[in-house]
């Protein structure tokens, strides 16, 4: 005997109408089981038809609306590509403006460098610390050639 059987017997002893209600519920459950067994094939066909209709009538939109959304998204993608290209050009010019690197493309692009000059300077310092040969070269001092203003003509 399970706990539910015990509960049913206790309830039936206390209230004789509960037994009648319990048997009525059992009858309804068995009727539902028989209908489910008989209608399994019919339900499967109904379900297939419902899925087919849902595929046709589901969340579909008019063709013009979809084309409008696609063209709008294409414009946004083009703008994003252009913004990325402008950001890369700006980064190269900011690096060139420091004058510390011979080739500004030696420093990898990073969006943080566009907003924070200290981050840009730190990145250049780090790069030059690892690869000093990338520094810009400038001749310094008197190289000993060329016309001199001290001599006689």
N, C-alpha and C. Protein backbone atom coordinates (compact mmCIF):
# COMPACT_ATOMS: atom_id res chain seq x y z
N UNK A 1 0.83 -1.18 0.00
CA UNK A 1 0.00 0.00 0.00
C UNK A 1 0.88 1.24 0.00
N UNK A 2 0.55 2.20 -0.85
CA UNK A 2 1.34 3.43 -0.91
C UNK A 2 0.70 4.48 -0.04
N UNK A 3 1.36 5.60 0.07
CA UNK A 3 0.83 6.69 0.90
C UNK A 3 -0.48 7.21 0.35
N UNK A 4 -0.63 7.25 -0.97
CA UNK A 4 -1.88 7.76 -1.54
C UNK A 4 -3.03 6.81 -1.27
N UNK A 5 -2.77 5.49 -1.26
CA UNK A 5 -3.83 4.53 -0.94
C UNK A 5 -4.29 4.70 0.50
N UNK A 6 -3.35 4.92 1.39
CA UNK A 6 -3.68 5.12 2.80
C UNK A 6 -4.53 6.37 2.94
N UNK A 7 -4.15 7.43 2.24
CA UNK A 7 -4.90 8.67 2.32
C UNK A 7 -6.30 8.48 1.79
N UNK A 8 -6.45 7.72 0.70
CA UNK A 8 -7.77 7.49 0.12
C UNK A 8 -8.63 6.68 1.08
N UNK A 9 -8.08 5.66 1.73
CA UNK A 9 -8.86 4.84 2.65
C UNK A 9 -9.28 5.65 3.87
N UNK A 10 -8.39 6.47 4.37
CA UNK A 10 -8.73 7.29 5.53
C UNK A 10 -9.84 8.25 5.16
N UNK A 11 -9.74 8.85 3.99
CA UNK A 11 -10.76 9.80 3.56
C UNK A 11 -12.08 9.07 3.32
N UNK A 12 -12.03 7.87 2.75
CA UNK A 12 -13.25 7.12 2.48
C UNK A 12 -13.95 6.72 3.77
N UNK A 13 -13.20 6.36 4.79
CA UNK A 13 -13.81 6.00 6.07
C UNK A 13 -14.44 7.21 6.72
N UNK A 14 -13.81 8.36 6.59
CA UNK A 14 -14.34 9.55 7.22
C UNK A 14 -15.53 10.10 6.45
N UNK A 15 -15.49 9.99 5.11
CA UNK A 15 -16.55 10.57 4.30
C UNK A 15 -16.94 9.57 3.22
N UNK A 16 -18.13 8.97 3.30
CA UNK A 16 -18.53 7.97 2.31
C UNK A 16 -18.68 8.54 0.90
N UNK A 17 -18.92 9.83 0.74
CA UNK A 17 -19.07 10.40 -0.60
C UNK A 17 -17.73 10.53 -1.30
N UNK A 18 -16.65 10.53 -0.54
CA UNK A 18 -15.32 10.65 -1.14
C UNK A 18 -15.01 9.42 -1.97
N UNK A 19 -15.50 8.25 -1.54
CA UNK A 19 -15.25 7.02 -2.30
C UNK A 19 -15.95 7.09 -3.64
N UNK A 20 -17.16 7.61 -3.67
CA UNK A 20 -17.89 7.73 -4.93
C UNK A 20 -17.18 8.71 -5.86
N UNK A 21 -16.66 9.82 -5.30
CA UNK A 21 -15.95 10.80 -6.11
C UNK A 21 -14.66 10.21 -6.65
N UNK A 22 -13.98 9.41 -5.83
CA UNK A 22 -12.74 8.77 -6.26
C UNK A 22 -12.97 7.82 -7.41
N UNK A 23 -14.06 7.04 -7.34
CA UNK A 23 -14.33 6.10 -8.42
C UNK A 23 -14.73 6.84 -9.69
N UNK A 24 -15.41 7.98 -9.54
CA UNK A 24 -15.77 8.78 -10.71
C UNK A 24 -14.52 9.33 -11.38
N UNK A 25 -13.53 9.74 -10.57
CA UNK A 25 -12.28 10.24 -11.13
C UNK A 25 -11.53 9.14 -11.85
N UNK A 26 -11.55 7.92 -11.28
CA UNK A 26 -10.89 6.79 -11.92
C UNK A 26 -11.53 6.49 -13.26
N UNK A 27 -12.86 6.59 -13.34
CA UNK A 27 -13.58 6.32 -14.58
C UNK A 27 -13.21 7.35 -15.63
N UNK A 28 -13.14 8.62 -15.24
CA UNK A 28 -12.77 9.68 -16.19
C UNK A 28 -11.35 9.48 -16.70
N UNK A 29 -10.44 9.08 -15.81
CA UNK A 29 -9.05 8.87 -16.21
C UNK A 29 -8.95 7.71 -17.19
N UNK A 30 -9.69 6.63 -16.92
CA UNK A 30 -9.61 5.47 -17.82
C UNK A 30 -10.23 5.82 -19.18
N UNK A 31 -11.31 6.62 -19.19
CA UNK A 31 -11.90 7.06 -20.45
C UNK A 31 -10.90 7.89 -21.26
N UNK A 32 -10.18 8.76 -20.57
CA UNK A 32 -9.20 9.60 -21.24
C UNK A 32 -8.07 8.76 -21.82
N UNK A 33 -7.66 7.70 -21.09
CA UNK A 33 -6.60 6.82 -21.57
C UNK A 33 -7.06 6.08 -22.82
N UNK A 34 -8.30 5.60 -22.81
CA UNK A 34 -8.82 4.89 -23.98
C UNK A 34 -8.90 5.80 -25.19
N UNK A 35 -9.36 7.03 -24.98
CA UNK A 35 -9.45 7.98 -26.09
C UNK A 35 -8.06 8.32 -26.62
N UNK A 36 -7.11 8.44 -25.72
CA UNK A 36 -5.75 8.75 -26.15
C UNK A 36 -5.17 7.61 -26.96
N UNK A 37 -5.43 6.38 -26.54
CA UNK A 37 -4.91 5.23 -27.27
C UNK A 37 -5.57 5.12 -28.64
N UNK A 38 -6.88 5.36 -28.72
CA UNK A 38 -7.59 5.28 -30.00
C UNK A 38 -7.23 6.43 -30.92
N UNK A 39 -7.01 7.60 -30.35
CA UNK A 39 -6.80 8.78 -31.17
C UNK A 39 -5.35 9.13 -31.42
N UNK A 40 -4.42 8.22 -31.09
CA UNK A 40 -3.01 8.53 -31.25
C UNK A 40 -2.67 8.82 -32.70
N UNK A 41 -3.17 8.00 -33.60
CA UNK A 41 -2.88 8.22 -35.01
C UNK A 41 -3.53 9.51 -35.50
N UNK A 42 -4.76 9.75 -35.09
CA UNK A 42 -5.45 10.96 -35.52
C UNK A 42 -4.76 12.20 -34.97
N UNK A 43 -4.30 12.10 -33.72
CA UNK A 43 -3.60 13.24 -33.12
C UNK A 43 -2.28 13.50 -33.82
N UNK A 44 -1.60 12.44 -34.21
CA UNK A 44 -0.32 12.59 -34.91
C UNK A 44 -0.54 13.31 -36.23
N UNK A 45 -1.61 12.93 -36.94
CA UNK A 45 -1.92 13.60 -38.20
C UNK A 45 -2.29 15.06 -37.97
N UNK A 46 -3.09 15.32 -36.93
CA UNK A 46 -3.47 16.69 -36.60
C UNK A 46 -2.24 17.52 -36.25
N UNK A 47 -1.31 16.92 -35.51
CA UNK A 47 -0.10 17.63 -35.11
C UNK A 47 0.74 17.97 -36.33
N UNK A 48 0.87 17.01 -37.27
CA UNK A 48 1.64 17.26 -38.48
C UNK A 48 1.02 18.39 -39.29
N UNK A 49 -0.32 18.39 -39.39
CA UNK A 49 -1.00 19.45 -40.13
C UNK A 49 -0.81 20.79 -39.42
N UNK A 50 -0.86 20.78 -38.10
CA UNK A 50 -0.70 22.03 -37.35
C UNK A 50 0.71 22.58 -37.55
N UNK A 51 1.72 21.70 -37.55
CA UNK A 51 3.10 22.16 -37.77
C UNK A 51 3.26 22.71 -39.18
N UNK A 52 2.63 22.07 -40.15
CA UNK A 52 2.72 22.55 -41.53
C UNK A 52 2.08 23.92 -41.65
N UNK A 53 0.93 24.11 -41.01
CA UNK A 53 0.28 25.41 -41.04
C UNK A 53 1.09 26.46 -40.30
N UNK A 54 1.70 26.06 -39.19
CA UNK A 54 2.52 27.00 -38.42
C UNK A 54 3.73 27.43 -39.24
N UNK A 55 4.29 26.49 -40.02
CA UNK A 55 5.42 26.86 -40.86
C UNK A 55 5.00 27.87 -41.92
N UNK A 56 3.79 27.71 -42.43
CA UNK A 56 3.31 28.63 -43.45
C UNK A 56 2.85 29.95 -42.83
N UNK A 57 2.16 29.87 -41.72
CA UNK A 57 1.57 31.07 -41.12
C UNK A 57 2.37 31.58 -39.93
N UNK A 58 3.55 31.03 -39.67
CA UNK A 58 4.35 31.41 -38.51
C UNK A 58 4.77 32.87 -38.57
N UNK A 59 5.88 33.16 -37.96
CA UNK A 59 6.38 34.52 -37.92
C UNK A 59 7.01 34.89 -39.25
N UNK A 60 6.18 35.12 -40.24
CA UNK A 60 6.67 35.54 -41.55
C UNK A 60 6.33 36.99 -41.76
N UNK A 61 7.14 37.63 -42.57
CA UNK A 61 6.95 39.04 -42.84
C UNK A 61 6.85 39.24 -44.34
N UNK A 62 6.24 40.33 -44.75
CA UNK A 62 6.16 40.61 -46.19
C UNK A 62 7.56 40.77 -46.80
N UNK A 63 7.68 40.39 -48.04
CA UNK A 63 8.97 40.43 -48.74
C UNK A 63 9.56 41.84 -48.74
N UNK A 64 8.74 42.85 -48.98
CA UNK A 64 9.24 44.23 -49.03
C UNK A 64 9.84 44.64 -47.69
N UNK A 65 9.21 44.22 -46.61
CA UNK A 65 9.70 44.56 -45.28
C UNK A 65 11.06 43.90 -45.02
N UNK A 66 11.18 42.64 -45.40
CA UNK A 66 12.44 41.92 -45.21
C UNK A 66 13.54 42.55 -46.05
N UNK A 67 13.23 42.91 -47.30
CA UNK A 67 14.23 43.55 -48.15
C UNK A 67 14.66 44.89 -47.58
N UNK A 68 13.71 45.62 -47.02
CA UNK A 68 14.04 46.91 -46.40
C UNK A 68 14.99 46.71 -45.22
N UNK A 69 14.71 45.71 -44.38
CA UNK A 69 15.58 45.43 -43.24
C UNK A 69 16.97 45.00 -43.70
N UNK A 70 17.03 44.19 -44.73
CA UNK A 70 18.34 43.73 -45.23
C UNK A 70 19.15 44.89 -45.79
N UNK A 71 18.51 45.76 -46.54
CA UNK A 71 19.26 46.90 -47.10
C UNK A 71 19.69 47.85 -45.99
N UNK A 72 18.86 48.02 -44.99
CA UNK A 72 19.22 48.88 -43.86
C UNK A 72 20.42 48.29 -43.11
N UNK A 73 20.41 46.98 -42.88
CA UNK A 73 21.54 46.33 -42.21
C UNK A 73 22.79 46.40 -43.05
N UNK A 74 22.65 46.31 -44.37
CA UNK A 74 23.82 46.43 -45.25
C UNK A 74 24.44 47.82 -45.12
N UNK A 75 23.59 48.85 -45.05
CA UNK A 75 24.12 50.22 -44.88
C UNK A 75 24.85 50.35 -43.55
N UNK A 76 24.30 49.77 -42.50
CA UNK A 76 24.96 49.83 -41.20
C UNK A 76 26.30 49.10 -41.21
N UNK A 77 26.36 47.96 -41.91
CA UNK A 77 27.64 47.24 -42.02
C UNK A 77 28.67 48.07 -42.78
N UNK A 78 28.23 48.74 -43.84
CA UNK A 78 29.15 49.60 -44.60
C UNK A 78 29.65 50.75 -43.74
N UNK A 79 28.76 51.34 -42.97
CA UNK A 79 29.18 52.43 -42.07
C UNK A 79 30.17 51.93 -41.03
N UNK A 80 29.94 50.75 -40.51
CA UNK A 80 30.85 50.19 -39.51
C UNK A 80 32.22 49.92 -40.12
N UNK A 81 32.24 49.42 -41.35
CA UNK A 81 33.53 49.19 -42.03
C UNK A 81 34.25 50.51 -42.25
N UNK A 82 33.51 51.54 -42.66
CA UNK A 82 34.13 52.84 -42.89
C UNK A 82 34.65 53.42 -41.58
N UNK A 83 33.89 53.28 -40.51
CA UNK A 83 34.33 53.79 -39.21
C UNK A 83 35.58 53.06 -38.75
N UNK A 84 35.65 51.76 -39.01
CA UNK A 84 36.84 51.00 -38.64
C UNK A 84 38.04 51.46 -39.45
N UNK A 85 37.84 51.71 -40.74
CA UNK A 85 38.94 52.19 -41.59
C UNK A 85 39.41 53.56 -41.12
N UNK A 86 38.47 54.45 -40.80
CA UNK A 86 38.85 55.78 -40.31
C UNK A 86 39.59 55.68 -38.98
N UNK A 87 39.16 54.78 -38.13
CA UNK A 87 39.84 54.58 -36.84
C UNK A 87 41.27 54.12 -37.03
N UNK A 88 41.48 53.22 -37.98
CA UNK A 88 42.84 52.73 -38.25
C UNK A 88 43.71 53.85 -38.83
N UNK A 89 43.14 54.65 -39.71
CA UNK A 89 43.91 55.78 -40.26
C UNK A 89 44.26 56.78 -39.18
N UNK A 90 43.32 57.07 -38.32
CA UNK A 90 43.56 58.00 -37.22
C UNK A 90 44.65 57.46 -36.29
N UNK A 91 44.60 56.17 -36.02
CA UNK A 91 45.61 55.55 -35.16
C UNK A 91 47.00 55.71 -35.77
N UNK A 92 47.10 55.44 -37.07
CA UNK A 92 48.40 55.57 -37.75
C UNK A 92 48.90 57.01 -37.69
N UNK A 93 48.02 57.96 -37.86
CA UNK A 93 48.44 59.37 -37.83
C UNK A 93 48.81 59.81 -36.41
N UNK A 94 48.12 59.30 -35.42
CA UNK A 94 48.50 59.63 -34.04
C UNK A 94 49.88 59.07 -33.71
N UNK A 95 50.17 57.88 -34.18
CA UNK A 95 51.49 57.29 -33.96
C UNK A 95 52.55 58.08 -34.72
N UNK A 96 52.24 58.45 -35.97
CA UNK A 96 53.17 59.25 -36.77
C UNK A 96 53.44 60.60 -36.10
N UNK A 97 52.43 61.19 -35.50
CA UNK A 97 52.58 62.51 -34.86
C UNK A 97 53.54 62.46 -33.68
N UNK A 98 53.69 61.33 -33.04
CA UNK A 98 54.64 61.25 -31.93
C UNK A 98 56.06 61.33 -32.44
N UNK A 99 56.31 60.86 -33.66
CA UNK A 99 57.64 60.90 -34.24
C UNK A 99 58.60 59.89 -33.64
N UNK A 100 58.13 58.98 -32.87
CA UNK A 100 59.01 58.03 -32.19
C UNK A 100 59.24 56.74 -32.97
N UNK A 101 58.35 56.42 -33.91
CA UNK A 101 58.50 55.20 -34.69
C UNK A 101 58.82 55.55 -36.14
N UNK A 102 59.70 54.77 -36.77
CA UNK A 102 60.02 55.00 -38.18
C UNK A 102 58.81 54.69 -39.06
N UNK A 103 58.07 53.66 -38.72
CA UNK A 103 56.88 53.27 -39.48
C UNK A 103 55.71 53.15 -38.51
N UNK A 104 54.69 54.01 -38.66
CA UNK A 104 53.57 53.96 -37.72
C UNK A 104 52.77 52.66 -37.76
N UNK A 105 52.89 51.90 -38.85
CA UNK A 105 52.15 50.64 -38.93
C UNK A 105 52.79 49.54 -38.07
N UNK A 106 53.95 49.82 -37.49
CA UNK A 106 54.59 48.83 -36.61
C UNK A 106 53.81 48.63 -35.32
N UNK A 107 53.07 49.64 -34.90
CA UNK A 107 52.26 49.52 -33.68
C UNK A 107 50.87 49.02 -34.07
N UNK A 108 50.47 47.91 -33.48
CA UNK A 108 49.16 47.32 -33.78
C UNK A 108 48.04 48.26 -33.37
N UNK A 109 46.94 48.22 -34.14
CA UNK A 109 45.78 49.05 -33.86
C UNK A 109 45.11 48.61 -32.56
N UNK A 110 44.74 49.60 -31.76
CA UNK A 110 43.98 49.36 -30.53
C UNK A 110 43.09 50.57 -30.31
N UNK A 111 41.80 50.34 -30.14
CA UNK A 111 40.85 51.45 -29.98
C UNK A 111 41.16 52.29 -28.75
N UNK A 112 41.74 51.70 -27.73
CA UNK A 112 42.07 52.45 -26.52
C UNK A 112 43.07 53.56 -26.81
N UNK A 113 43.92 53.36 -27.80
CA UNK A 113 44.92 54.38 -28.14
C UNK A 113 44.27 55.63 -28.72
N UNK A 114 43.09 55.50 -29.31
CA UNK A 114 42.42 56.65 -29.91
C UNK A 114 41.91 57.60 -28.84
N UNK A 115 41.46 57.06 -27.72
CA UNK A 115 40.85 57.88 -26.68
C UNK A 115 41.83 58.30 -25.59
N UNK A 116 42.89 57.52 -25.39
CA UNK A 116 43.78 57.75 -24.27
C UNK A 116 45.22 57.95 -24.76
N UNK A 117 45.71 59.20 -24.78
CA UNK A 117 47.08 59.44 -25.24
C UNK A 117 48.13 58.76 -24.36
N UNK A 118 47.83 58.60 -23.08
CA UNK A 118 48.78 57.93 -22.19
C UNK A 118 48.91 56.45 -22.56
N UNK A 119 47.81 55.83 -22.93
CA UNK A 119 47.86 54.43 -23.35
C UNK A 119 48.66 54.29 -24.64
N UNK A 120 48.51 55.25 -25.54
CA UNK A 120 49.29 55.24 -26.79
C UNK A 120 50.77 55.37 -26.49
N UNK A 121 51.13 56.32 -25.63
CA UNK A 121 52.54 56.52 -25.27
C UNK A 121 53.11 55.28 -24.59
N UNK A 122 52.33 54.66 -23.71
CA UNK A 122 52.78 53.45 -23.02
C UNK A 122 52.98 52.31 -24.01
N UNK A 123 52.10 52.19 -24.99
CA UNK A 123 52.22 51.13 -25.99
C UNK A 123 53.47 51.34 -26.85
N UNK A 124 53.74 52.59 -27.21
CA UNK A 124 54.95 52.89 -27.99
C UNK A 124 56.19 52.59 -27.17
N UNK A 125 56.19 53.00 -25.90
CA UNK A 125 57.33 52.71 -25.02
C UNK A 125 57.56 51.20 -24.91
N UNK A 126 56.49 50.45 -24.75
CA UNK A 126 56.60 48.99 -24.63
C UNK A 126 57.17 48.39 -25.92
N UNK A 127 56.67 48.86 -27.07
CA UNK A 127 57.15 48.35 -28.35
C UNK A 127 58.63 48.67 -28.55
N UNK A 128 59.01 49.90 -28.24
CA UNK A 128 60.42 50.28 -28.40
C UNK A 128 61.31 49.57 -27.40
N UNK A 129 60.79 49.23 -26.24
CA UNK A 129 61.55 48.46 -25.26
C UNK A 129 61.83 47.05 -25.76
N UNK A 130 60.84 46.46 -26.45
CA UNK A 130 61.01 45.11 -26.98
C UNK A 130 61.78 45.11 -28.30
N UNK A 131 61.54 46.14 -29.13
CA UNK A 131 62.17 46.19 -30.47
C UNK A 131 62.73 47.59 -30.72
N UNK A 132 63.90 47.90 -30.19
CA UNK A 132 64.45 49.25 -30.33
C UNK A 132 64.80 49.61 -31.77
N UNK A 133 64.96 48.64 -32.65
CA UNK A 133 65.30 48.93 -34.04
C UNK A 133 64.13 49.58 -34.80
N UNK A 134 62.93 49.61 -34.22
CA UNK A 134 61.78 50.24 -34.87
C UNK A 134 61.72 51.75 -34.63
N UNK A 135 62.60 52.27 -33.77
CA UNK A 135 62.59 53.70 -33.45
C UNK A 135 63.00 54.51 -34.68
N UNK A 136 62.48 55.72 -34.76
CA UNK A 136 62.85 56.59 -35.88
C UNK A 136 64.30 57.03 -35.69
N UNK A 137 64.99 57.18 -36.80
CA UNK A 137 66.40 57.55 -36.76
C UNK A 137 66.54 58.97 -37.27
N UNK A 138 67.26 59.77 -36.51
CA UNK A 138 67.54 61.15 -36.92
C UNK A 138 69.04 61.40 -36.74
N UNK A 139 69.65 61.94 -37.75
CA UNK A 139 71.07 62.28 -37.56
C UNK A 139 71.21 63.41 -36.56
N UNK A 140 72.17 63.27 -35.69
CA UNK A 140 72.40 64.29 -34.67
C UNK A 140 73.83 64.82 -34.78
N UNK A 141 74.01 66.07 -34.45
CA UNK A 141 75.34 66.67 -34.40
C UNK A 141 75.90 67.02 -35.77
N UNK A 142 77.18 67.40 -35.77
CA UNK A 142 77.88 67.80 -36.98
C UNK A 142 78.48 66.55 -37.61
N UNK A 143 78.07 66.28 -38.82
CA UNK A 143 78.59 65.08 -39.47
C UNK A 143 79.87 65.36 -40.26
N UNK A 144 80.33 66.61 -40.26
CA UNK A 144 81.62 66.96 -40.85
C UNK A 144 81.64 67.09 -42.35
N UNK A 145 80.55 67.34 -42.98
CA UNK A 145 80.55 67.50 -44.42
C UNK A 145 79.76 68.74 -44.78
N UNK A 146 79.96 69.21 -45.97
CA UNK A 146 79.20 70.33 -46.46
C UNK A 146 79.97 71.62 -46.35
N UNK A 147 79.40 72.70 -46.85
CA UNK A 147 80.04 74.01 -46.84
C UNK A 147 80.07 74.56 -45.44
N UNK A 148 81.19 75.23 -45.15
CA UNK A 148 81.35 75.84 -43.84
C UNK A 148 81.45 77.34 -44.00
N UNK A 149 80.93 78.05 -43.09
CA UNK A 149 80.95 79.50 -43.15
C UNK A 149 82.21 80.11 -42.57
N UNK A 150 83.14 79.35 -42.04
CA UNK A 150 84.31 79.89 -41.38
C UNK A 150 85.47 80.17 -42.35
N UNK A 151 85.48 79.63 -43.49
CA UNK A 151 86.61 79.74 -44.41
C UNK A 151 86.53 80.98 -45.29
N UNK A 152 87.62 81.25 -46.01
CA UNK A 152 87.66 82.36 -46.95
C UNK A 152 87.16 81.89 -48.29
N UNK A 153 86.71 82.79 -49.02
CA UNK A 153 86.15 82.44 -50.30
C UNK A 153 87.17 82.33 -51.34
